[in-house]
Amino acid sequence: MAPSGNTDVIDVFFVLLPDSLVLDWAGPAEALRIANQGMLAQGQAARFALHFVGPNPTSLTSVGVALTGLEPLPALNMAPPCWVVLVGQPGGAIGVDSDASRAVLHWLRGLRLATGQVELVTVCAGSVLAAHAGLLAGRRATTHHQHLDELQRVEPQCD
């Protein structure tokens, strides 16, 4: 029996910078993994293909755990549908002056977001990173309460 509706696999790219908050990417990744399990248990194909990407193949998380085997940032002509997930980092402000951050911002600025094709998902202060990349002008967004003023400063045209 074929499932109804759109059955395209959604490539989900978790963009992981040094110090990425584990909770911000692990929680959503687990939710998508569990959704895939549910689909498989019903005889349907898994819906989400999870990719953990970054500017470097290794990265230390916010709690000091080393991640290895990160995929490189994908080519900008990613096959739709896909989601790009940006997550928060510890601290009072999102730093964008490291080589890794600059590489991610450069990559993000090349994205062509389109509903149902290439979509942006931000978790917590990941929205501030999106704002630094110019992706939130004229859009509504939210962030952790400690980063609301920062988000407004970085992108005044974001509601």
N, C-alpha and C. Protein backbone atom coordinates (compact mmCIF):
# COMPACT_ATOMS: atom_id res chain seq x y z
N MET A 1 0.85 -1.18 0.00
CA MET A 1 0.00 0.00 0.00
C MET A 1 0.89 1.24 0.00
N ALA A 2 0.70 2.11 -0.94
CA ALA A 2 1.51 3.33 -1.04
C ALA A 2 0.94 4.39 -0.11
N PRO A 3 1.83 5.10 0.61
CA PRO A 3 1.34 6.17 1.48
C PRO A 3 0.80 7.32 0.64
N SER A 4 -0.16 8.04 1.20
CA SER A 4 -0.72 9.18 0.49
C SER A 4 0.11 10.42 0.76
N GLY A 5 -0.01 11.40 -0.13
CA GLY A 5 0.67 12.67 0.07
C GLY A 5 2.10 12.65 -0.42
N ASN A 6 2.82 13.70 -0.12
CA ASN A 6 4.21 13.86 -0.55
C ASN A 6 5.09 12.88 0.22
N THR A 7 5.82 12.05 -0.51
CA THR A 7 6.66 11.05 0.13
C THR A 7 8.14 11.31 -0.11
N ASP A 8 8.48 12.48 -0.63
CA ASP A 8 9.88 12.80 -0.84
C ASP A 8 10.63 12.77 0.48
N VAL A 9 11.81 12.20 0.45
CA VAL A 9 12.67 12.23 1.63
C VAL A 9 13.17 13.65 1.80
N ILE A 10 13.10 14.16 3.02
CA ILE A 10 13.57 15.50 3.33
C ILE A 10 14.97 15.38 3.90
N ASP A 11 15.96 15.95 3.19
CA ASP A 11 17.31 16.02 3.73
C ASP A 11 17.35 17.12 4.76
N VAL A 12 17.76 16.78 5.97
CA VAL A 12 17.81 17.74 7.08
C VAL A 12 19.29 17.94 7.42
N PHE A 13 19.76 19.17 7.22
CA PHE A 13 21.16 19.51 7.45
C PHE A 13 21.30 20.28 8.75
N PHE A 14 21.82 19.63 9.78
CA PHE A 14 22.11 20.29 11.05
C PHE A 14 23.49 20.93 10.91
N VAL A 15 23.54 22.25 10.92
CA VAL A 15 24.80 22.98 10.75
C VAL A 15 25.42 23.14 12.14
N LEU A 16 26.58 22.51 12.34
CA LEU A 16 27.20 22.48 13.66
C LEU A 16 28.52 23.24 13.66
N LEU A 17 28.49 24.35 14.35
CA LEU A 17 29.69 25.15 14.59
C LEU A 17 30.33 24.71 15.90
N PRO A 18 31.58 25.06 16.13
CA PRO A 18 32.17 24.80 17.45
C PRO A 18 31.28 25.40 18.55
N ASP A 19 31.13 24.67 19.63
CA ASP A 19 30.32 25.07 20.79
C ASP A 19 28.81 24.99 20.55
N SER A 20 28.37 24.34 19.48
CA SER A 20 26.93 24.21 19.27
C SER A 20 26.29 23.55 20.49
N LEU A 21 25.14 24.07 20.88
CA LEU A 21 24.42 23.52 22.03
C LEU A 21 23.86 22.15 21.68
N VAL A 22 24.28 21.15 22.41
CA VAL A 22 23.88 19.77 22.13
C VAL A 22 22.36 19.63 22.14
N LEU A 23 21.71 20.20 23.12
CA LEU A 23 20.26 20.08 23.23
C LEU A 23 19.56 20.62 21.99
N ASP A 24 20.11 21.67 21.40
CA ASP A 24 19.47 22.31 20.25
C ASP A 24 19.47 21.44 19.00
N TRP A 25 20.45 20.58 18.84
CA TRP A 25 20.45 19.71 17.66
C TRP A 25 20.07 18.27 18.00
N ALA A 26 20.45 17.79 19.17
CA ALA A 26 20.16 16.40 19.51
C ALA A 26 18.65 16.18 19.72
N GLY A 27 17.98 17.11 20.36
CA GLY A 27 16.54 16.98 20.58
C GLY A 27 15.77 16.89 19.27
N PRO A 28 15.93 17.87 18.37
CA PRO A 28 15.24 17.77 17.08
C PRO A 28 15.66 16.54 16.27
N ALA A 29 16.94 16.19 16.29
CA ALA A 29 17.39 15.01 15.54
C ALA A 29 16.71 13.75 16.07
N GLU A 30 16.59 13.63 17.39
CA GLU A 30 15.91 12.47 17.97
C GLU A 30 14.44 12.45 17.59
N ALA A 31 13.79 13.60 17.58
CA ALA A 31 12.38 13.66 17.20
C ALA A 31 12.19 13.16 15.76
N LEU A 32 13.09 13.57 14.87
CA LEU A 32 12.99 13.13 13.48
C LEU A 32 13.33 11.63 13.34
N ARG A 33 14.30 11.17 14.13
CA ARG A 33 14.62 9.74 14.11
C ARG A 33 13.42 8.92 14.56
N ILE A 34 12.76 9.36 15.62
CA ILE A 34 11.59 8.65 16.13
C ILE A 34 10.45 8.70 15.10
N ALA A 35 10.30 9.83 14.42
CA ALA A 35 9.28 9.92 13.37
C ALA A 35 9.57 8.90 12.27
N ASN A 36 10.84 8.78 11.89
CA ASN A 36 11.22 7.78 10.89
C ASN A 36 10.87 6.37 11.37
N GLN A 37 11.15 6.07 12.63
CA GLN A 37 10.82 4.75 13.18
C GLN A 37 9.32 4.48 13.09
N GLY A 38 8.53 5.50 13.40
CA GLY A 38 7.08 5.36 13.31
C GLY A 38 6.62 5.09 11.89
N MET A 39 7.22 5.79 10.94
CA MET A 39 6.88 5.57 9.54
C MET A 39 7.22 4.13 9.13
N LEU A 40 8.43 3.69 9.49
CA LEU A 40 8.86 2.34 9.14
C LEU A 40 7.96 1.29 9.78
N ALA A 41 7.54 1.52 11.02
CA ALA A 41 6.67 0.57 11.72
C ALA A 41 5.31 0.45 11.03
N GLN A 42 4.92 1.49 10.30
CA GLN A 42 3.65 1.46 9.58
C GLN A 42 3.82 0.98 8.14
N GLY A 43 5.04 0.51 7.81
CA GLY A 43 5.29 0.02 6.46
C GLY A 43 5.55 1.11 5.45
N GLN A 44 5.81 2.30 5.93
CA GLN A 44 6.10 3.43 5.04
C GLN A 44 7.59 3.72 5.05
N ALA A 45 8.04 4.43 4.07
CA ALA A 45 9.45 4.81 3.98
C ALA A 45 9.78 5.88 5.02
N ALA A 46 11.01 5.86 5.48
CA ALA A 46 11.48 6.92 6.37
C ALA A 46 11.39 8.24 5.61
N ARG A 47 11.06 9.30 6.31
CA ARG A 47 10.82 10.60 5.67
C ARG A 47 12.01 11.54 5.77
N PHE A 48 12.86 11.36 6.78
CA PHE A 48 13.93 12.32 7.05
C PHE A 48 15.30 11.66 6.93
N ALA A 49 16.18 12.29 6.18
CA ALA A 49 17.59 11.86 6.09
C ALA A 49 18.40 12.91 6.84
N LEU A 50 18.99 12.51 7.96
CA LEU A 50 19.70 13.45 8.81
C LEU A 50 21.16 13.55 8.39
N HIS A 51 21.63 14.81 8.31
CA HIS A 51 23.02 15.10 7.96
C HIS A 51 23.56 16.08 9.00
N PHE A 52 24.71 15.79 9.52
CA PHE A 52 25.36 16.68 10.48
C PHE A 52 26.54 17.29 9.75
N VAL A 53 26.46 18.58 9.49
CA VAL A 53 27.42 19.24 8.61
C VAL A 53 28.10 20.39 9.35
N GLY A 54 29.23 20.79 8.83
CA GLY A 54 29.93 21.93 9.41
C GLY A 54 31.10 22.33 8.53
N PRO A 55 31.72 23.44 8.89
CA PRO A 55 32.86 23.90 8.12
C PRO A 55 34.11 23.05 8.35
N ASN A 56 34.10 22.24 9.41
CA ASN A 56 35.22 21.36 9.74
C ASN A 56 34.69 19.96 10.01
N PRO A 57 35.49 18.92 9.76
CA PRO A 57 35.01 17.55 9.98
C PRO A 57 34.91 17.17 11.45
N THR A 58 35.51 17.94 12.34
CA THR A 58 35.40 17.69 13.78
C THR A 58 35.03 19.00 14.47
N SER A 59 34.38 18.87 15.61
CA SER A 59 33.97 20.06 16.34
C SER A 59 33.72 19.68 17.80
N LEU A 60 34.07 20.56 18.70
CA LEU A 60 33.73 20.39 20.11
C LEU A 60 32.37 21.02 20.36
N THR A 61 31.52 20.31 21.10
CA THR A 61 30.20 20.83 21.44
C THR A 61 30.29 21.75 22.66
N SER A 62 29.16 22.30 23.03
CA SER A 62 29.07 23.19 24.18
C SER A 62 29.47 22.51 25.48
N VAL A 63 29.36 21.18 25.54
CA VAL A 63 29.72 20.45 26.77
C VAL A 63 31.07 19.76 26.64
N GLY A 64 31.80 20.05 25.57
CA GLY A 64 33.15 19.52 25.41
C GLY A 64 33.25 18.16 24.75
N VAL A 65 32.14 17.60 24.30
CA VAL A 65 32.18 16.33 23.59
C VAL A 65 32.63 16.60 22.16
N ALA A 66 33.57 15.81 21.68
CA ALA A 66 34.07 15.99 20.31
C ALA A 66 33.18 15.24 19.33
N LEU A 67 32.75 15.94 18.32
CA LEU A 67 32.01 15.33 17.22
C LEU A 67 32.98 15.10 16.08
N THR A 68 32.94 13.93 15.50
CA THR A 68 33.80 13.64 14.36
C THR A 68 32.93 13.16 13.20
N GLY A 69 33.49 13.18 12.03
CA GLY A 69 32.75 12.70 10.87
C GLY A 69 31.68 13.64 10.37
N LEU A 70 31.78 14.92 10.73
CA LEU A 70 30.80 15.87 10.19
C LEU A 70 30.99 15.96 8.69
N GLU A 71 29.88 16.00 7.98
CA GLU A 71 29.94 16.18 6.53
C GLU A 71 30.26 17.65 6.24
N PRO A 72 30.87 17.91 5.08
CA PRO A 72 31.10 19.31 4.71
C PRO A 72 29.76 20.01 4.44
N LEU A 73 29.78 21.33 4.47
CA LEU A 73 28.59 22.08 4.10
C LEU A 73 28.20 21.65 2.69
N PRO A 74 26.92 21.36 2.46
CA PRO A 74 26.53 20.86 1.14
C PRO A 74 26.63 21.94 0.07
N ALA A 75 26.67 21.48 -1.17
CA ALA A 75 26.62 22.40 -2.31
C ALA A 75 25.33 23.20 -2.22
N LEU A 76 25.34 24.41 -2.70
CA LEU A 76 24.17 25.28 -2.58
C LEU A 76 23.02 24.85 -3.48
N ASN A 77 23.26 23.97 -4.41
CA ASN A 77 22.18 23.49 -5.27
C ASN A 77 21.61 22.18 -4.73
N MET A 78 21.34 22.15 -3.43
CA MET A 78 20.80 20.96 -2.78
C MET A 78 19.48 20.56 -3.42
N ALA A 79 19.27 19.26 -3.55
CA ALA A 79 18.02 18.77 -4.13
C ALA A 79 16.88 18.96 -3.12
N PRO A 80 15.80 19.56 -3.53
CA PRO A 80 14.67 19.71 -2.62
C PRO A 80 13.92 18.40 -2.46
N PRO A 81 13.19 18.23 -1.39
CA PRO A 81 13.06 19.16 -0.28
C PRO A 81 14.19 18.98 0.73
N CYS A 82 14.60 20.08 1.33
CA CYS A 82 15.59 19.99 2.40
C CYS A 82 15.38 21.11 3.41
N TRP A 83 15.86 20.84 4.60
CA TRP A 83 15.81 21.81 5.69
C TRP A 83 17.23 22.09 6.14
N VAL A 84 17.51 23.33 6.42
CA VAL A 84 18.78 23.74 7.02
C VAL A 84 18.46 24.15 8.44
N VAL A 85 19.09 23.48 9.41
CA VAL A 85 18.79 23.73 10.82
C VAL A 85 19.99 24.43 11.46
N LEU A 86 19.74 25.63 12.00
CA LEU A 86 20.76 26.40 12.71
C LEU A 86 20.45 26.35 14.19
N VAL A 87 21.49 26.11 15.00
CA VAL A 87 21.29 25.96 16.44
C VAL A 87 22.09 27.01 17.20
N GLY A 88 21.77 27.13 18.48
CA GLY A 88 22.41 28.13 19.32
C GLY A 88 23.78 27.72 19.81
N GLN A 89 24.41 28.69 20.44
CA GLN A 89 25.71 28.52 21.07
C GLN A 89 25.64 29.15 22.45
N PRO A 90 26.51 28.72 23.37
CA PRO A 90 26.46 29.30 24.71
C PRO A 90 26.96 30.74 24.72
N GLY A 91 26.56 31.46 25.74
CA GLY A 91 27.06 32.82 25.92
C GLY A 91 25.98 33.86 25.71
N GLY A 92 26.35 35.09 26.02
CA GLY A 92 25.41 36.20 25.93
C GLY A 92 25.22 36.72 24.53
N ALA A 93 26.10 36.38 23.61
CA ALA A 93 25.99 36.82 22.22
C ALA A 93 26.52 35.72 21.31
N ILE A 94 26.00 35.69 20.12
CA ILE A 94 26.42 34.69 19.14
C ILE A 94 27.64 35.26 18.40
N GLY A 95 28.79 34.61 18.57
CA GLY A 95 30.02 35.06 17.94
C GLY A 95 30.05 34.69 16.47
N VAL A 96 30.46 35.65 15.66
CA VAL A 96 30.54 35.39 14.22
C VAL A 96 31.89 35.78 13.65
N ASP A 97 32.90 35.87 14.52
CA ASP A 97 34.20 36.34 14.06
C ASP A 97 35.23 35.22 13.88
N SER A 98 34.86 33.98 14.12
CA SER A 98 35.80 32.87 13.91
C SER A 98 35.81 32.47 12.44
N ASP A 99 36.84 31.75 12.04
CA ASP A 99 36.90 31.25 10.66
C ASP A 99 35.71 30.35 10.36
N ALA A 100 35.36 29.49 11.32
CA ALA A 100 34.24 28.57 11.12
C ALA A 100 32.93 29.34 10.94
N SER A 101 32.70 30.33 11.78
CA SER A 101 31.46 31.13 11.67
C SER A 101 31.41 31.88 10.35
N ARG A 102 32.54 32.46 9.96
CA ARG A 102 32.57 33.18 8.68
C ARG A 102 32.28 32.24 7.51
N ALA A 103 32.80 31.02 7.56
CA ALA A 103 32.54 30.05 6.49
C ALA A 103 31.05 29.70 6.43
N VAL A 104 30.43 29.50 7.59
CA VAL A 104 29.01 29.18 7.62
C VAL A 104 28.18 30.36 7.13
N LEU A 105 28.52 31.57 7.56
CA LEU A 105 27.77 32.75 7.12
C LEU A 105 27.87 32.92 5.60
N HIS A 106 29.06 32.72 5.06
CA HIS A 106 29.24 32.82 3.61
C HIS A 106 28.35 31.80 2.90
N TRP A 107 28.33 30.58 3.41
CA TRP A 107 27.50 29.52 2.82
C TRP A 107 26.02 29.87 2.94
N LEU A 108 25.60 30.33 4.12
CA LEU A 108 24.19 30.67 4.33
C LEU A 108 23.74 31.79 3.38
N ARG A 109 24.60 32.75 3.14
CA ARG A 109 24.23 33.87 2.25
C ARG A 109 23.98 33.41 0.82
N GLY A 110 24.49 32.25 0.47
CA GLY A 110 24.25 31.71 -0.86
C GLY A 110 22.98 30.87 -0.98
N LEU A 111 22.33 30.58 0.14
CA LEU A 111 21.10 29.78 0.10
C LEU A 111 19.99 30.54 -0.59
N ARG A 112 19.16 29.82 -1.30
CA ARG A 112 17.96 30.39 -1.91
C ARG A 112 16.78 29.67 -1.27
N LEU A 113 16.28 30.27 -0.19
CA LEU A 113 15.18 29.66 0.54
C LEU A 113 13.89 29.71 -0.28
N ALA A 114 13.14 28.63 -0.26
CA ALA A 114 11.87 28.55 -0.97
C ALA A 114 10.99 27.53 -0.27
N THR A 115 9.76 27.90 0.00
CA THR A 115 8.83 27.02 0.69
C THR A 115 8.71 25.68 -0.02
N GLY A 116 8.87 24.61 0.76
CA GLY A 116 8.76 23.27 0.23
C GLY A 116 9.99 22.79 -0.52
N GLN A 117 10.98 23.66 -0.65
CA GLN A 117 12.19 23.28 -1.36
C GLN A 117 13.40 23.34 -0.45
N VAL A 118 13.85 24.54 -0.15
CA VAL A 118 14.96 24.75 0.79
C VAL A 118 14.40 25.62 1.90
N GLU A 119 14.23 25.02 3.08
CA GLU A 119 13.61 25.74 4.19
C GLU A 119 14.60 25.89 5.33
N LEU A 120 14.45 26.97 6.07
CA LEU A 120 15.31 27.28 7.20
C LEU A 120 14.57 26.99 8.49
N VAL A 121 15.25 26.28 9.39
CA VAL A 121 14.73 26.01 10.73
C VAL A 121 15.78 26.52 11.70
N THR A 122 15.36 27.36 12.63
CA THR A 122 16.30 27.83 13.65
C THR A 122 15.83 27.35 15.01
N VAL A 123 16.78 26.97 15.82
CA VAL A 123 16.49 26.52 17.17
C VAL A 123 17.21 27.47 18.11
N CYS A 124 16.45 28.02 19.06
CA CYS A 124 17.01 28.91 20.08
C CYS A 124 17.72 30.08 19.39
N ALA A 125 18.96 30.34 19.76
CA ALA A 125 19.69 31.49 19.21
C ALA A 125 20.26 31.22 17.82
N GLY A 126 19.92 30.09 17.21
CA GLY A 126 20.27 29.87 15.82
C GLY A 126 19.68 30.94 14.93
N SER A 127 18.59 31.56 15.39
CA SER A 127 17.98 32.65 14.62
C SER A 127 18.92 33.85 14.51
N VAL A 128 19.76 34.06 15.50
CA VAL A 128 20.71 35.18 15.44
C VAL A 128 21.74 34.92 14.34
N LEU A 129 22.18 33.69 14.22
CA LEU A 129 23.10 33.33 13.13
C LEU A 129 22.42 33.58 11.78
N ALA A 130 21.16 33.18 11.66
CA ALA A 130 20.41 33.43 10.42
C ALA A 130 20.32 34.93 10.14
N ALA A 131 20.12 35.72 11.18
CA ALA A 131 20.04 37.18 11.01
C ALA A 131 21.37 37.73 10.52
N HIS A 132 22.47 37.25 11.08
CA HIS A 132 23.80 37.69 10.63
C HIS A 132 24.00 37.38 9.14
N ALA A 133 23.38 36.31 8.66
CA ALA A 133 23.52 35.93 7.26
C ALA A 133 22.54 36.68 6.35
N GLY A 134 21.69 37.52 6.95
CA GLY A 134 20.74 38.28 6.15
C GLY A 134 19.49 37.51 5.74
N LEU A 135 19.18 36.43 6.44
CA LEU A 135 18.06 35.58 6.05
C LEU A 135 16.75 35.92 6.75
N LEU A 136 16.76 36.89 7.66
CA LEU A 136 15.53 37.16 8.42
C LEU A 136 14.89 38.52 8.15
N ALA A 137 15.44 39.31 7.27
CA ALA A 137 14.84 40.61 6.95
C ALA A 137 13.43 40.40 6.41
N GLY A 138 12.47 41.11 7.01
CA GLY A 138 11.09 41.02 6.58
C GLY A 138 10.37 39.75 7.03
N ARG A 139 10.99 39.00 7.92
CA ARG A 139 10.38 37.76 8.41
C ARG A 139 10.08 37.88 9.89
N ARG A 140 9.24 36.98 10.38
CA ARG A 140 8.97 36.86 11.81
C ARG A 140 9.85 35.74 12.35
N ALA A 141 10.41 35.97 13.52
CA ALA A 141 11.28 34.96 14.13
C ALA A 141 11.24 35.11 15.63
N THR A 142 11.72 34.11 16.30
CA THR A 142 11.87 34.17 17.74
C THR A 142 13.23 33.59 18.11
N THR A 143 13.59 33.79 19.34
CA THR A 143 14.85 33.30 19.84
C THR A 143 14.76 33.17 21.34
N HIS A 144 15.80 32.68 21.95
CA HIS A 144 15.87 32.64 23.41
C HIS A 144 15.76 34.06 23.95
N HIS A 145 15.08 34.23 25.06
CA HIS A 145 14.83 35.58 25.59
C HIS A 145 16.11 36.36 25.82
N GLN A 146 17.23 35.69 26.11
CA GLN A 146 18.49 36.40 26.33
C GLN A 146 19.06 36.98 25.03
N HIS A 147 18.54 36.56 23.90
CA HIS A 147 19.07 37.01 22.61
C HIS A 147 18.09 37.89 21.83
N LEU A 148 16.96 38.27 22.44
CA LEU A 148 15.97 39.08 21.73
C LEU A 148 16.55 40.43 21.29
N ASP A 149 17.23 41.13 22.19
CA ASP A 149 17.82 42.43 21.83
C ASP A 149 18.90 42.25 20.77
N GLU A 150 19.69 41.20 20.89
CA GLU A 150 20.74 40.94 19.90
C GLU A 150 20.13 40.68 18.53
N LEU A 151 19.07 39.89 18.48
CA LEU A 151 18.40 39.62 17.22
C LEU A 151 17.89 40.92 16.59
N GLN A 152 17.31 41.77 17.38
CA GLN A 152 16.80 43.04 16.88
C GLN A 152 17.92 43.95 16.39
N ARG A 153 19.06 43.94 17.09
CA ARG A 153 20.21 44.76 16.65
C ARG A 153 20.79 44.24 15.33
N VAL A 154 20.92 42.93 15.24
CA VAL A 154 21.53 42.33 14.05
C VAL A 154 20.64 42.50 12.83
N GLU A 155 19.34 42.32 13.00
CA GLU A 155 18.41 42.47 11.87
C GLU A 155 17.17 43.25 12.29
N PRO A 156 17.26 44.59 12.23
CA PRO A 156 16.13 45.43 12.65
C PRO A 156 14.83 45.20 11.86
N GLN A 157 14.95 44.64 10.65
CA GLN A 157 13.76 44.40 9.83
C GLN A 157 13.10 43.05 10.11
N CYS A 158 13.60 42.35 11.14
CA CYS A 158 13.00 41.08 11.54
C CYS A 158 11.99 41.38 12.66
N ASP A 159 10.80 40.87 12.51
CA ASP A 159 9.76 41.05 13.53
C ASP A 159 9.85 39.88 14.50
